[in-house]
Full PDB file with SEQRES, HELIX, SHEET, SSBOND, CRYST1, ORIGX, SCALE, CONECT and MASTER records, all heavy atoms in Angstrom:
SEQRES   1 A   42  CYS TRP ALA LEU MET GLY LEU LEU PHE VAL VAL GLY ILE          
SEQRES   2 A   42  MET ASN MET LEU TRP ILE MET LEU LEU ALA VAL PHE VAL          
SEQRES   3 A   42  LEU ILE GLU THR ALA ALA VAL ARG GLY PRO TRP LEU ALA          
SEQRES   4 A   42  ARG ALA THR                                                  
HELIX    1 AA1 TRP A    2  MET A    5  1                                   4    
HELIX    2 AA2 LEU A    8  VAL A   11  1                                   4    
HELIX    3 AA3 MET A   16  LEU A   27  1                                  12    
HELIX    4 AA4 ILE A   28  ALA A   32  3                                   5    
HELIX    5 AA5 TRP A   37  ALA A   41  1                                   5    
CRYST1    1.000    1.000    1.000  90.00  90.00  90.00 P 1           1          
ORIGX1      1.000000  0.000000  0.000000        0.00000                         
ORIGX2      0.000000  1.000000  0.000000        0.00000                         
ORIGX3      0.000000  0.000000  1.000000        0.00000                         
SCALE1      1.000000  0.000000  0.000000        0.00000                         
SCALE2      0.000000  1.000000  0.000000        0.00000                         
SCALE3      0.000000  0.000000  1.000000        0.00000                         
ATOM      1  N   CYS A   1       0.779  -1.244   0.000  1.00  0.00           N  
ATOM      2  CA  CYS A   1       0.000   0.000   0.000  1.00  0.00           C  
ATOM      3  C   CYS A   1       0.808   1.290   0.000  1.00  0.00           C  
ATOM      4  O   CYS A   1       0.208   2.373  -0.039  1.00  0.00           O  
ATOM      5  CB  CYS A   1      -0.932   0.012   1.213  1.00  0.00           C  
ATOM      6  SG  CYS A   1      -2.050  -1.400   1.313  1.00  0.00           S  
ATOM      7  N   TRP A   2       2.133   1.228   0.056  1.00  0.00           N  
ATOM      8  CA  TRP A   2       2.905   2.458   0.244  1.00  0.00           C  
ATOM      9  C   TRP A   2       2.652   3.477  -0.871  1.00  0.00           C  
ATOM     10  O   TRP A   2       2.563   4.678  -0.621  1.00  0.00           O  
ATOM     11  CB  TRP A   2       4.400   2.140   0.332  1.00  0.00           C  
ATOM     12  CG  TRP A   2       5.002   1.660  -0.948  1.00  0.00           C  
ATOM     13  CD1 TRP A   2       5.115   0.371  -1.366  1.00  0.00           C  
ATOM     14  CD2 TRP A   2       5.572   2.461  -1.991  1.00  0.00           C  
ATOM     15  NE1 TRP A   2       5.712   0.306  -2.604  1.00  0.00           N  
ATOM     16  CE2 TRP A   2       5.998   1.579  -3.017  1.00  0.00           C  
ATOM     17  CE3 TRP A   2       5.762   3.835  -2.164  1.00  0.00           C  
ATOM     18  CZ2 TRP A   2       6.594   2.029  -4.190  1.00  0.00           C  
ATOM     19  CZ3 TRP A   2       6.355   4.287  -3.339  1.00  0.00           C  
ATOM     20  CH2 TRP A   2       6.772   3.394  -4.326  1.00  0.00           C  
ATOM     21  N   ALA A   3       2.552   2.998  -2.117  1.00  0.00           N  
ATOM     22  CA  ALA A   3       2.385   3.930  -3.232  1.00  0.00           C  
ATOM     23  C   ALA A   3       1.027   4.618  -3.177  1.00  0.00           C  
ATOM     24  O   ALA A   3       0.900   5.797  -3.539  1.00  0.00           O  
ATOM     25  CB  ALA A   3       2.548   3.195  -4.560  1.00  0.00           C  
ATOM     26  N   LEU A   4       0.003   3.890  -2.705  1.00  0.00           N  
ATOM     27  CA  LEU A   4      -1.324   4.495  -2.571  1.00  0.00           C  
ATOM     28  C   LEU A   4      -1.304   5.619  -1.547  1.00  0.00           C  
ATOM     29  O   LEU A   4      -2.001   6.629  -1.703  1.00  0.00           O  
ATOM     30  CB  LEU A   4      -2.357   3.436  -2.172  1.00  0.00           C  
ATOM     31  CG  LEU A   4      -2.681   2.366  -3.217  1.00  0.00           C  
ATOM     32  CD1 LEU A   4      -3.622   1.321  -2.630  1.00  0.00           C  
ATOM     33  CD2 LEU A   4      -3.291   3.000  -4.467  1.00  0.00           C  
ATOM     34  N   MET A   5      -0.524   5.456  -0.477  1.00  0.00           N  
ATOM     35  CA  MET A   5      -0.438   6.503   0.533  1.00  0.00           C  
ATOM     36  C   MET A   5       0.168   7.777  -0.036  1.00  0.00           C  
ATOM     37  O   MET A   5      -0.109   8.884   0.441  1.00  0.00           O  
ATOM     38  CB  MET A   5       0.387   6.022   1.743  1.00  0.00           C  
ATOM     39  CG  MET A   5      -0.199   4.815   2.432  1.00  0.00           C  
ATOM     40  SD  MET A   5      -1.896   5.081   2.980  1.00  0.00           S  
ATOM     41  CE  MET A   5      -2.442   3.405   3.241  1.00  0.00           C  
ATOM     42  N   GLY A   6       0.997   7.638  -1.077  1.00  0.00           N  
ATOM     43  CA  GLY A   6       1.570   8.812  -1.713  1.00  0.00           C  
ATOM     44  C   GLY A   6       0.534   9.696  -2.379  1.00  0.00           C  
ATOM     45  O   GLY A   6       0.807  10.880  -2.644  1.00  0.00           O  
ATOM     46  N   LEU A   7      -0.665   9.152  -2.635  1.00  0.00           N  
ATOM     47  CA  LEU A   7      -1.723   9.969  -3.230  1.00  0.00           C  
ATOM     48  C   LEU A   7      -2.127  11.129  -2.324  1.00  0.00           C  
ATOM     49  O   LEU A   7      -2.654  12.137  -2.803  1.00  0.00           O  
ATOM     50  CB  LEU A   7      -2.955   9.105  -3.524  1.00  0.00           C  
ATOM     51  CG  LEU A   7      -2.769   7.962  -4.530  1.00  0.00           C  
ATOM     52  CD1 LEU A   7      -4.070   7.208  -4.716  1.00  0.00           C  
ATOM     53  CD2 LEU A   7      -2.252   8.488  -5.854  1.00  0.00           C  
ATOM     54  N   LEU A   8      -1.886  10.979  -1.022  1.00  0.00           N  
ATOM     55  CA  LEU A   8      -2.240  12.055  -0.100  1.00  0.00           C  
ATOM     56  C   LEU A   8      -1.447  13.327  -0.396  1.00  0.00           C  
ATOM     57  O   LEU A   8      -1.915  14.429  -0.112  1.00  0.00           O  
ATOM     58  CB  LEU A   8      -2.012  11.612   1.349  1.00  0.00           C  
ATOM     59  CG  LEU A   8      -2.942  10.496   1.845  1.00  0.00           C  
ATOM     60  CD1 LEU A   8      -2.515  10.023   3.224  1.00  0.00           C  
ATOM     61  CD2 LEU A   8      -4.389  10.983   1.866  1.00  0.00           C  
ATOM     62  N   PHE A   9      -0.256  13.174  -0.974  1.00  0.00           N  
ATOM     63  CA  PHE A   9       0.524  14.349  -1.345  1.00  0.00           C  
ATOM     64  C   PHE A   9      -0.079  15.057  -2.554  1.00  0.00           C  
ATOM     65  O   PHE A   9       0.253  16.204  -2.824  1.00  0.00           O  
ATOM     66  CB  PHE A   9       1.974  13.966  -1.634  1.00  0.00           C  
ATOM     67  CG  PHE A   9       2.774  13.635  -0.415  1.00  0.00           C  
ATOM     68  CD1 PHE A   9       2.973  12.321  -0.023  1.00  0.00           C  
ATOM     69  CD2 PHE A   9       3.321  14.642   0.367  1.00  0.00           C  
ATOM     70  CE1 PHE A   9       3.704  12.007   1.111  1.00  0.00           C  
ATOM     71  CE2 PHE A   9       4.053  14.350   1.509  1.00  0.00           C  
ATOM     72  CZ  PHE A   9       4.239  13.026   1.883  1.00  0.00           C  
ATOM     73  N   VAL A  10      -0.961  14.374  -3.285  1.00  0.00           N  
ATOM     74  CA  VAL A  10      -1.616  14.975  -4.444  1.00  0.00           C  
ATOM     75  C   VAL A  10      -2.925  15.645  -4.039  1.00  0.00           C  
ATOM     76  O   VAL A  10      -3.224  16.763  -4.478  1.00  0.00           O  
ATOM     77  CB  VAL A  10      -1.880  13.915  -5.533  1.00  0.00           C  
ATOM     78  CG1 VAL A  10      -2.611  14.528  -6.731  1.00  0.00           C  
ATOM     79  CG2 VAL A  10      -0.567  13.273  -5.981  1.00  0.00           C  
ATOM     80  N   VAL A  11      -3.709  14.988  -3.198  1.00  0.00           N  
ATOM     81  CA  VAL A  11      -5.042  15.498  -2.847  1.00  0.00           C  
ATOM     82  C   VAL A  11      -5.035  16.347  -1.579  1.00  0.00           C  
ATOM     83  O   VAL A  11      -6.020  17.027  -1.275  1.00  0.00           O  
ATOM     84  CB  VAL A  11      -6.037  14.328  -2.673  1.00  0.00           C  
ATOM     85  CG1 VAL A  11      -6.176  13.554  -3.964  1.00  0.00           C  
ATOM     86  CG2 VAL A  11      -5.611  13.397  -1.538  1.00  0.00           C  
ATOM     87  N   GLY A  12      -3.931  16.316  -0.833  1.00  0.00           N  
ATOM     88  CA  GLY A  12      -3.852  17.043   0.430  1.00  0.00           C  
ATOM     89  C   GLY A  12      -3.654  16.069   1.572  1.00  0.00           C  
ATOM     90  O   GLY A  12      -4.475  15.167   1.767  1.00  0.00           O  
ATOM     91  N   ILE A  13      -2.562  16.236   2.295  1.00  0.00           N  
ATOM     92  CA  ILE A  13      -2.192  15.264   3.323  1.00  0.00           C  
ATOM     93  C   ILE A  13      -3.273  15.104   4.380  1.00  0.00           C  
ATOM     94  O   ILE A  13      -3.517  13.992   4.865  1.00  0.00           O  
ATOM     95  CB  ILE A  13      -0.852  15.681   3.979  1.00  0.00           C  
ATOM     96  CG1 ILE A  13       0.280  15.526   2.959  1.00  0.00           C  
ATOM     97  CG2 ILE A  13      -0.553  14.843   5.220  1.00  0.00           C  
ATOM     98  CD1 ILE A  13       1.594  16.107   3.404  1.00  0.00           C  
ATOM     99  N   MET A  14      -3.966  16.195   4.735  1.00  0.00           N  
ATOM    100  CA  MET A  14      -5.016  16.109   5.753  1.00  0.00           C  
ATOM    101  C   MET A  14      -6.407  16.220   5.136  1.00  0.00           C  
ATOM    102  O   MET A  14      -7.333  16.716   5.773  1.00  0.00           O  
ATOM    103  CB  MET A  14      -4.803  17.187   6.811  1.00  0.00           C  
ATOM    104  CG  MET A  14      -3.644  16.911   7.739  1.00  0.00           C  
ATOM    105  SD  MET A  14      -3.753  15.300   8.557  1.00  0.00           S  
ATOM    106  CE  MET A  14      -5.230  15.521   9.547  1.00  0.00           C  
ATOM    107  N   ASN A  15      -6.558  15.745   3.915  1.00  0.00           N  
ATOM    108  CA  ASN A  15      -7.870  15.692   3.274  1.00  0.00           C  
ATOM    109  C   ASN A  15      -8.621  14.498   3.854  1.00  0.00           C  
ATOM    110  O   ASN A  15      -8.402  13.351   3.451  1.00  0.00           O  
ATOM    111  CB  ASN A  15      -7.705  15.557   1.755  1.00  0.00           C  
ATOM    112  CG  ASN A  15      -9.017  15.646   1.005  1.00  0.00           C  
ATOM    113  OD1 ASN A  15     -10.041  15.137   1.450  1.00  0.00           O  
ATOM    114  ND2 ASN A  15      -8.987  16.297  -0.148  1.00  0.00           N  
ATOM    115  N   MET A  16      -9.521  14.751   4.813  1.00  0.00           N  
ATOM    116  CA  MET A  16     -10.163  13.674   5.556  1.00  0.00           C  
ATOM    117  C   MET A  16     -10.991  12.770   4.660  1.00  0.00           C  
ATOM    118  O   MET A  16     -11.076  11.555   4.892  1.00  0.00           O  
ATOM    119  CB  MET A  16     -11.020  14.255   6.681  1.00  0.00           C  
ATOM    120  CG  MET A  16     -10.232  14.958   7.767  1.00  0.00           C  
ATOM    121  SD  MET A  16      -9.117  13.825   8.661  1.00  0.00           S  
ATOM    122  CE  MET A  16     -10.298  12.825   9.564  1.00  0.00           C  
ATOM    123  N   LEU A  17     -11.629  13.329   3.632  1.00  0.00           N  
ATOM    124  CA  LEU A  17     -12.424  12.505   2.727  1.00  0.00           C  
ATOM    125  C   LEU A  17     -11.546  11.486   2.030  1.00  0.00           C  
ATOM    126  O   LEU A  17     -11.889  10.294   1.960  1.00  0.00           O  
ATOM    127  CB  LEU A  17     -13.146  13.383   1.703  1.00  0.00           C  
ATOM    128  CG  LEU A  17     -13.933  12.626   0.624  1.00  0.00           C  
ATOM    129  CD1 LEU A  17     -15.007  11.767   1.257  1.00  0.00           C  
ATOM    130  CD2 LEU A  17     -14.527  13.608  -0.394  1.00  0.00           C  
ATOM    131  N   TRP A  18     -10.393  11.922   1.528  1.00  0.00           N  
ATOM    132  CA  TRP A  18      -9.510  11.009   0.819  1.00  0.00           C  
ATOM    133  C   TRP A  18      -8.853  10.012   1.775  1.00  0.00           C  
ATOM    134  O   TRP A  18      -8.593   8.866   1.398  1.00  0.00           O  
ATOM    135  CB  TRP A  18      -8.457  11.780   0.036  1.00  0.00           C  
ATOM    136  CG  TRP A  18      -8.919  12.083  -1.347  1.00  0.00           C  
ATOM    137  CD1 TRP A  18      -9.550  13.210  -1.787  1.00  0.00           C  
ATOM    138  CD2 TRP A  18      -8.825  11.219  -2.485  1.00  0.00           C  
ATOM    139  NE1 TRP A  18      -9.845  13.115  -3.125  1.00  0.00           N  
ATOM    140  CE2 TRP A  18      -9.417  11.904  -3.585  1.00  0.00           C  
ATOM    141  CE3 TRP A  18      -8.299   9.940  -2.687  1.00  0.00           C  
ATOM    142  CZ2 TRP A  18      -9.489  11.334  -4.851  1.00  0.00           C  
ATOM    143  CZ3 TRP A  18      -8.377   9.380  -3.955  1.00  0.00           C  
ATOM    144  CH2 TRP A  18      -8.967  10.073  -5.009  1.00  0.00           C  
ATOM    145  N   ILE A  19      -8.573  10.424   2.980  1.00  0.00           N  
ATOM    146  CA  ILE A  19      -8.033   9.482   3.968  1.00  0.00           C  
ATOM    147  C   ILE A  19      -9.035   8.359   4.207  1.00  0.00           C  
ATOM    148  O   ILE A  19      -8.676   7.173   4.247  1.00  0.00           O  
ATOM    149  CB  ILE A  19      -7.697  10.208   5.285  1.00  0.00           C  
ATOM    150  CG1 ILE A  19      -6.536  11.177   5.085  1.00  0.00           C  
ATOM    151  CG2 ILE A  19      -7.338   9.203   6.383  1.00  0.00           C  
ATOM    152  CD1 ILE A  19      -6.249  12.047   6.290  1.00  0.00           C  
ATOM    153  N   MET A  20     -10.308   8.714   4.346  1.00  0.00           N  
ATOM    154  CA  MET A  20     -11.344   7.696   4.554  1.00  0.00           C  
ATOM    155  C   MET A  20     -11.505   6.812   3.327  1.00  0.00           C  
ATOM    156  O   MET A  20     -11.642   5.584   3.440  1.00  0.00           O  
ATOM    157  CB  MET A  20     -12.665   8.361   4.922  1.00  0.00           C  
ATOM    158  CG  MET A  20     -12.686   8.942   6.323  1.00  0.00           C  
ATOM    159  SD  MET A  20     -14.318   9.556   6.826  1.00  0.00           S  
ATOM    160  CE  MET A  20     -14.341  11.137   5.960  1.00  0.00           C  
ATOM    161  N   LEU A  21     -11.485   7.411   2.125  1.00  0.00           N  
ATOM    162  CA  LEU A  21     -11.626   6.629   0.905  1.00  0.00           C  
ATOM    163  C   LEU A  21     -10.480   5.632   0.745  1.00  0.00           C  
ATOM    164  O   LEU A  21     -10.695   4.462   0.381  1.00  0.00           O  
ATOM    165  CB  LEU A  21     -11.688   7.557  -0.304  1.00  0.00           C  
ATOM    166  CG  LEU A  21     -12.972   8.374  -0.481  1.00  0.00           C  
ATOM    167  CD1 LEU A  21     -12.827   9.342  -1.656  1.00  0.00           C  
ATOM    168  CD2 LEU A  21     -14.182   7.465  -0.691  1.00  0.00           C  
ATOM    169  N   LEU A  22      -9.259   6.079   1.025  1.00  0.00           N  
ATOM    170  CA  LEU A  22      -8.119   5.172   0.925  1.00  0.00           C  
ATOM    171  C   LEU A  22      -8.192   4.065   1.964  1.00  0.00           C  
ATOM    172  O   LEU A  22      -7.853   2.907   1.679  1.00  0.00           O  
ATOM    173  CB  LEU A  22      -6.815   5.959   1.089  1.00  0.00           C  
ATOM    174  CG  LEU A  22      -6.366   6.787  -0.120  1.00  0.00           C  
ATOM    175  CD1 LEU A  22      -5.172   7.651   0.245  1.00  0.00           C  
ATOM    176  CD2 LEU A  22      -6.029   5.886  -1.301  1.00  0.00           C  
ATOM    177  N   ALA A  23      -8.651   4.400   3.170  1.00  0.00           N  
ATOM    178  CA  ALA A  23      -8.787   3.386   4.211  1.00  0.00           C  
ATOM    179  C   ALA A  23      -9.800   2.322   3.797  1.00  0.00           C  
ATOM    180  O   ALA A  23      -9.566   1.110   3.978  1.00  0.00           O  
ATOM    181  CB  ALA A  23      -9.206   4.034   5.532  1.00  0.00           C  
ATOM    182  N   VAL A  24     -10.921   2.749   3.241  1.00  0.00           N  
ATOM    183  CA  VAL A  24     -11.943   1.800   2.788  1.00  0.00           C  
ATOM    184  C   VAL A  24     -11.410   0.953   1.634  1.00  0.00           C  
ATOM    185  O   VAL A  24     -11.625  -0.267   1.577  1.00  0.00           O  
ATOM    186  CB  VAL A  24     -13.229   2.550   2.371  1.00  0.00           C  
ATOM    187  CG1 VAL A  24     -14.215   1.597   1.698  1.00  0.00           C  
ATOM    188  CG2 VAL A  24     -13.881   3.196   3.586  1.00  0.00           C  
ATOM    189  N   PHE A  25     -10.702   1.585   0.698  1.00  0.00           N  
ATOM    190  CA  PHE A  25     -10.150   0.842  -0.431  1.00  0.00           C  
ATOM    191  C   PHE A  25      -9.167  -0.226   0.038  1.00  0.00           C  
ATOM    192  O   PHE A  25      -9.209  -1.371  -0.437  1.00  0.00           O  
ATOM    193  CB  PHE A  25      -9.461   1.788  -1.413  1.00  0.00           C  
ATOM    194  CG  PHE A  25      -8.803   1.062  -2.553  1.00  0.00           C  
ATOM    195  CD1 PHE A  25      -9.545   0.689  -3.662  1.00  0.00           C  
ATOM    196  CD2 PHE A  25      -7.449   0.737  -2.504  1.00  0.00           C  
ATOM    197  CE1 PHE A  25      -8.950  -0.003  -4.709  1.00  0.00           C  
ATOM    198  CE2 PHE A  25      -6.852   0.049  -3.545  1.00  0.00           C  
ATOM    199  CZ  PHE A  25      -7.602  -0.322  -4.651  1.00  0.00           C  
ATOM    200  N   VAL A  26      -8.279   0.135   0.958  1.00  0.00           N  
ATOM    201  CA  VAL A  26      -7.296  -0.834   1.461  1.00  0.00           C  
ATOM    202  C   VAL A  26      -8.016  -2.003   2.127  1.00  0.00           C  
ATOM    203  O   VAL A  26      -7.641  -3.174   1.941  1.00  0.00           O  
ATOM    204  CB  VAL A  26      -6.328  -0.154   2.436  1.00  0.00           C  
ATOM    205  CG1 VAL A  26      -5.495  -1.191   3.187  1.00  0.00           C  
ATOM    206  CG2 VAL A  26      -5.408   0.805   1.693  1.00  0.00           C  
ATOM    207  N   LEU A  27      -9.046  -1.715   2.906  1.00  0.00           N  
ATOM    208  CA  LEU A  27      -9.797  -2.776   3.575  1.00  0.00           C  
ATOM    209  C   LEU A  27     -10.442  -3.705   2.549  1.00  0.00           C  
ATOM    210  O   LEU A  27     -10.399  -4.938   2.697  1.00  0.00           O  
ATOM    211  CB  LEU A  27     -10.858  -2.160   4.482  1.00  0.00           C  
ATOM    212  CG  LEU A  27     -11.714  -3.138   5.301  1.00  0.00           C  
ATOM    213  CD1 LEU A  27     -10.842  -3.956   6.236  1.00  0.00           C  
ATOM    214  CD2 LEU A  27     -12.779  -2.386   6.091  1.00  0.00           C  
ATOM    215  N   ILE A  28     -11.037  -3.130   1.507  1.00  0.00           N  
ATOM    216  CA  ILE A  28     -11.669  -3.947   0.465  1.00  0.00           C  
ATOM    217  C   ILE A  28     -10.627  -4.763  -0.291  1.00  0.00           C  
ATOM    218  O   ILE A  28     -10.799  -5.969  -0.530  1.00  0.00           O  
ATOM    219  CB  ILE A  28     -12.459  -3.054  -0.505  1.00  0.00           C  
ATOM    220  CG1 ILE A  28     -13.664  -2.427   0.211  1.00  0.00           C  
ATOM    221  CG2 ILE A  28     -12.923  -3.855  -1.720  1.00  0.00           C  
ATOM    222  CD1 ILE A  28     -14.404  -1.403  -0.626  1.00  0.00           C  
ATOM    223  N   GLU A  29      -9.518  -4.124  -0.647  1.00  0.00           N  
ATOM    224  CA  GLU A  29      -8.496  -4.793  -1.452  1.00  0.00           C  
ATOM    225  C   GLU A  29      -7.862  -5.958  -0.721  1.00  0.00           C  
ATOM    226  O   GLU A  29      -7.554  -6.998  -1.326  1.00  0.00           O  
ATOM    227  CB  GLU A  29      -7.417  -3.783  -1.861  1.00  0.00           C  
ATOM    228  CG  GLU A  29      -6.368  -4.367  -2.799  1.00  0.00           C  
ATOM    229  CD  GLU A  29      -5.268  -3.401  -3.134  1.00  0.00           C  
ATOM    230  OE1 GLU A  29      -4.762  -2.725  -2.203  1.00  0.00           O  
ATOM    231  OE2 GLU A  29      -4.902  -3.294  -4.316  1.00  0.00           O  
ATOM    232  N   THR A  30      -7.660  -5.823   0.591  1.00  0.00           N  
ATOM    233  CA  THR A  30      -6.947  -6.858   1.344  1.00  0.00           C  
ATOM    234  C   THR A  30      -7.863  -7.882   1.996  1.00  0.00           C  
ATOM    235  O   THR A  30      -7.451  -9.019   2.225  1.00  0.00           O  
ATOM    236  CB  THR A  30      -6.069  -6.220   2.429  1.00  0.00           C  
ATOM    237  OG1 THR A  30      -6.895  -5.416   3.305  1.00  0.00           O  
ATOM    238  CG2 THR A  30      -4.995  -5.338   1.814  1.00  0.00           C  
ATOM    239  N   ALA A  31      -9.099  -7.482   2.319  1.00  0.00           N  
ATOM    240  CA  ALA A  31      -9.957  -8.377   3.106  1.00  0.00           C  
ATOM    241  C   ALA A  31     -11.201  -8.860   2.385  1.00  0.00           C  
ATOM    242  O   ALA A  31     -11.792  -9.857   2.787  1.00  0.00           O  
ATOM    243  CB  ALA A  31     -10.381  -7.681   4.413  1.00  0.00           C  
ATOM    244  N   ALA A  32     -11.615  -8.181   1.316  1.00  0.00           N  
ATOM    245  CA  ALA A  32     -12.894  -8.517   0.694  1.00  0.00           C  
ATOM    246  C   ALA A  32     -12.770  -9.111  -0.704  1.00  0.00           C  
ATOM    247  O   ALA A  32     -13.735  -9.691  -1.203  1.00  0.00           O  
ATOM    248  CB  ALA A  32     -13.794  -7.274   0.634  1.00  0.00           C  
ATOM    249  N   VAL A  33     -11.637  -8.970  -1.348  1.00  0.00           N  
ATOM    250  CA  VAL A  33     -11.466  -9.518  -2.702  1.00  0.00           C  
ATOM    251  C   VAL A  33     -10.231 -10.411  -2.720  1.00  0.00           C  
ATOM    252  O   VAL A  33      -9.406 -10.384  -1.807  1.00  0.00           O  
ATOM    253  CB  VAL A  33     -11.327  -8.398  -3.753  1.00  0.00           C  
ATOM    254  CG1 VAL A  33     -12.547  -7.502  -3.758  1.00  0.00           C  
ATOM    255  CG2 VAL A  33     -10.064  -7.578  -3.511  1.00  0.00           C  
ATOM    256  N   ARG A  34     -10.126 -11.202  -3.752  1.00  0.00           N  
ATOM    257  CA  ARG A  34      -8.965 -12.067  -3.947  1.00  0.00           C  
ATOM    258  C   ARG A  34      -8.390 -11.814  -5.332  1.00  0.00           C  
ATOM    259  O   ARG A  34      -9.115 -11.533  -6.289  1.00  0.00           O  
ATOM    260  CB  ARG A  34      -9.357 -13.541  -3.795  1.00  0.00           C  
ATOM    261  CG  ARG A  34      -9.728 -13.934  -2.373  1.00  0.00           C  
ATOM    262  CD  ARG A  34      -8.521 -13.867  -1.454  1.00  0.00           C  
ATOM    263  NE  ARG A  34      -8.841 -14.238  -0.088  1.00  0.00           N  
ATOM    264  CZ  ARG A  34      -9.205 -13.383   0.851  1.00  0.00           C  
ATOM    265  NH1 ARG A  34      -9.315 -12.088   0.549  1.00  0.00           N  
ATOM    266  NH2 ARG A  34      -9.462 -13.788   2.066  1.00  0.00           N  
ATOM    267  N   GLY A  35      -7.082 -11.937  -5.432  1.00  0.00           N  
ATOM    268  CA  GLY A  35      -6.440 -11.746  -6.719  1.00  0.00           C  
ATOM    269  C   GLY A  35      -6.061 -10.301  -6.975  1.00  0.00           C  
ATOM    270  O   GLY A  35      -6.424  -9.392  -6.222  1.00  0.00           O  
ATOM    271  N   PRO A  36      -5.340 -10.064  -8.078  1.00  0.00           N  
ATOM    272  CA  PRO A  36      -4.807  -8.723  -8.361  1.00  0.00           C  
ATOM    273  C   PRO A  36      -5.702  -7.859  -9.225  1.00  0.00           C  
ATOM    274  O   PRO A  36      -5.295  -6.760  -9.597  1.00  0.00           O  
ATOM    275  CB  PRO A  36      -3.508  -9.050  -9.103  1.00  0.00           C  
ATOM    276  CG  PRO A  36      -3.842 -10.293  -9.872  1.00  0.00           C  
ATOM    277  CD  PRO A  36      -4.803 -11.082  -9.003  1.00  0.00           C  
ATOM    278  N   TRP A  37      -6.920  -8.325  -9.555  1.00  0.00           N  
ATOM    279  CA  TRP A  37      -7.710  -7.589 -10.551  1.00  0.00           C  
ATOM    280  C   TRP A  37      -8.063  -6.183 -10.078  1.00  0.00           C  
ATOM    281  O   TRP A  37      -8.028  -5.231 -10.869  1.00  0.00           O  
ATOM    282  CB  TRP A  37      -8.983  -8.358 -10.906  1.00  0.00           C  
ATOM    283  CG  TRP A  37      -9.964  -8.495  -9.782  1.00  0.00           C  
ATOM    284  CD1 TRP A  37     -10.049  -9.519  -8.889  1.00  0.00           C  
ATOM    285  CD2 TRP A  37     -11.008  -7.575  -9.436  1.00  0.00           C  
ATOM    286  NE1 TRP A  37     -11.069  -9.303  -7.997  1.00  0.00           N  
ATOM    287  CE2 TRP A  37     -11.680  -8.122  -8.313  1.00  0.00           C  
ATOM    288  CE3 TRP A  37     -11.442  -6.364  -9.960  1.00  0.00           C  
ATOM    289  CZ2 TRP A  37     -12.756  -7.482  -7.697  1.00  0.00           C  
ATOM    290  CZ3 TRP A  37     -12.511  -5.720  -9.353  1.00  0.00           C  
ATOM    291  CH2 TRP A  37     -13.154  -6.282  -8.239  1.00  0.00           C  
ATOM    292  N   LEU A  38      -8.390  -6.010  -8.787  1.00  0.00           N  
ATOM    293  CA  LEU A  38      -8.740  -4.682  -8.291  1.00  0.00           C  
ATOM    294  C   LEU A  38      -7.526  -3.758  -8.312  1.00  0.00           C  
ATOM    295  O   LEU A  38      -7.637  -2.575  -8.664  1.00  0.00           O  
ATOM    296  CB  LEU A  38      -9.316  -4.785  -6.884  1.00  0.00           C  
ATOM    297  CG  LEU A  38      -9.762  -3.467  -6.243  1.00  0.00           C  
ATOM    298  CD1 LEU A  38     -10.819  -2.768  -7.089  1.00  0.00           C  
ATOM    299  CD2 LEU A  38     -10.292  -3.703  -4.819  1.00  0.00           C  
ATOM    300  N   ALA A  39      -6.374  -4.294  -7.931  1.00  0.00           N  
ATOM    301  CA  ALA A  39      -5.146  -3.492  -7.952  1.00  0.00           C  
ATOM    302  C   ALA A  39      -4.846  -3.017  -9.371  1.00  0.00           C  
ATOM    303  O   ALA A  39      -4.474  -1.856  -9.593  1.00  0.00           O  
ATOM    304  CB  ALA A  39      -3.980  -4.308  -7.400  1.00  0.00           C  
ATOM    305  N   ARG A  40      -5.016  -3.903 -10.346  1.00  0.00           N  
ATOM    306  CA  ARG A  40      -4.701  -3.524 -11.726  1.00  0.00           C  
ATOM    307  C   ARG A  40      -5.709  -2.527 -12.276  1.00  0.00           C  
ATOM    308  O   ARG A  40      -5.331  -1.598 -13.006  1.00  0.00           O  
ATOM    309  CB  ARG A  40      -4.647  -4.784 -12.578  1.00  0.00           C  
ATOM    310  CG  ARG A  40      -3.440  -5.660 -12.242  1.00  0.00           C  
ATOM    311  CD  ARG A  40      -3.455  -6.999 -12.917  1.00  0.00           C  
ATOM    312  NE  ARG A  40      -2.274  -7.776 -12.546  1.00  0.00           N  
ATOM    313  CZ  ARG A  40      -2.095  -9.050 -12.860  1.00  0.00           C  
ATOM    314  NH1 ARG A  40      -3.029  -9.696 -13.552  1.00  0.00           N  
ATOM    315  NH2 ARG A  40      -0.994  -9.678 -12.480  1.00  0.00           N  
ATOM    316  N   ALA A  41      -6.983  -2.701 -11.929  1.00  0.00           N  
ATOM    317  CA  ALA A  41      -7.990  -1.728 -12.362  1.00  0.00           C  
ATOM    318  C   ALA A  41      -7.693  -0.359 -11.759  1.00  0.00           C  
ATOM    319  O   ALA A  41      -7.809   0.676 -12.427  1.00  0.00           O  
ATOM    320  CB  ALA A  41      -9.384  -2.198 -11.960  1.00  0.00           C  
ATOM    321  N   THR A  42      -7.277  -0.356 -10.498  1.00  0.00           N  
ATOM    322  CA  THR A  42      -6.918   0.901  -9.837  1.00  0.00           C  
ATOM    323  C   THR A  42      -5.686   1.515 -10.489  1.00  0.00           C  
ATOM    324  O   THR A  42      -5.595   2.739 -10.644  1.00  0.00           O  
ATOM    325  CB  THR A  42      -6.650   0.654  -8.343  1.00  0.00           C  
ATOM    326  OG1 THR A  42      -7.787   0.021  -7.759  1.00  0.00           O  
ATOM    327  CG2 THR A  42      -6.383   1.973  -7.618  1.00  0.00           C  
TER     328      THR A  42                                                      
MASTER        0    0    0    5    0    0    0    6  327    1    0    4          
END                                                                             
């Protein structure tokens, strides 16, 4: 996930909406899906 965290430097480090969106995405990517398809689509 390190590269995804770098997106905060683009949208604003303390942009709470994007922090929440990234947190939800990481949870879905690691716990709710299997395989690399979501990572590649992203």
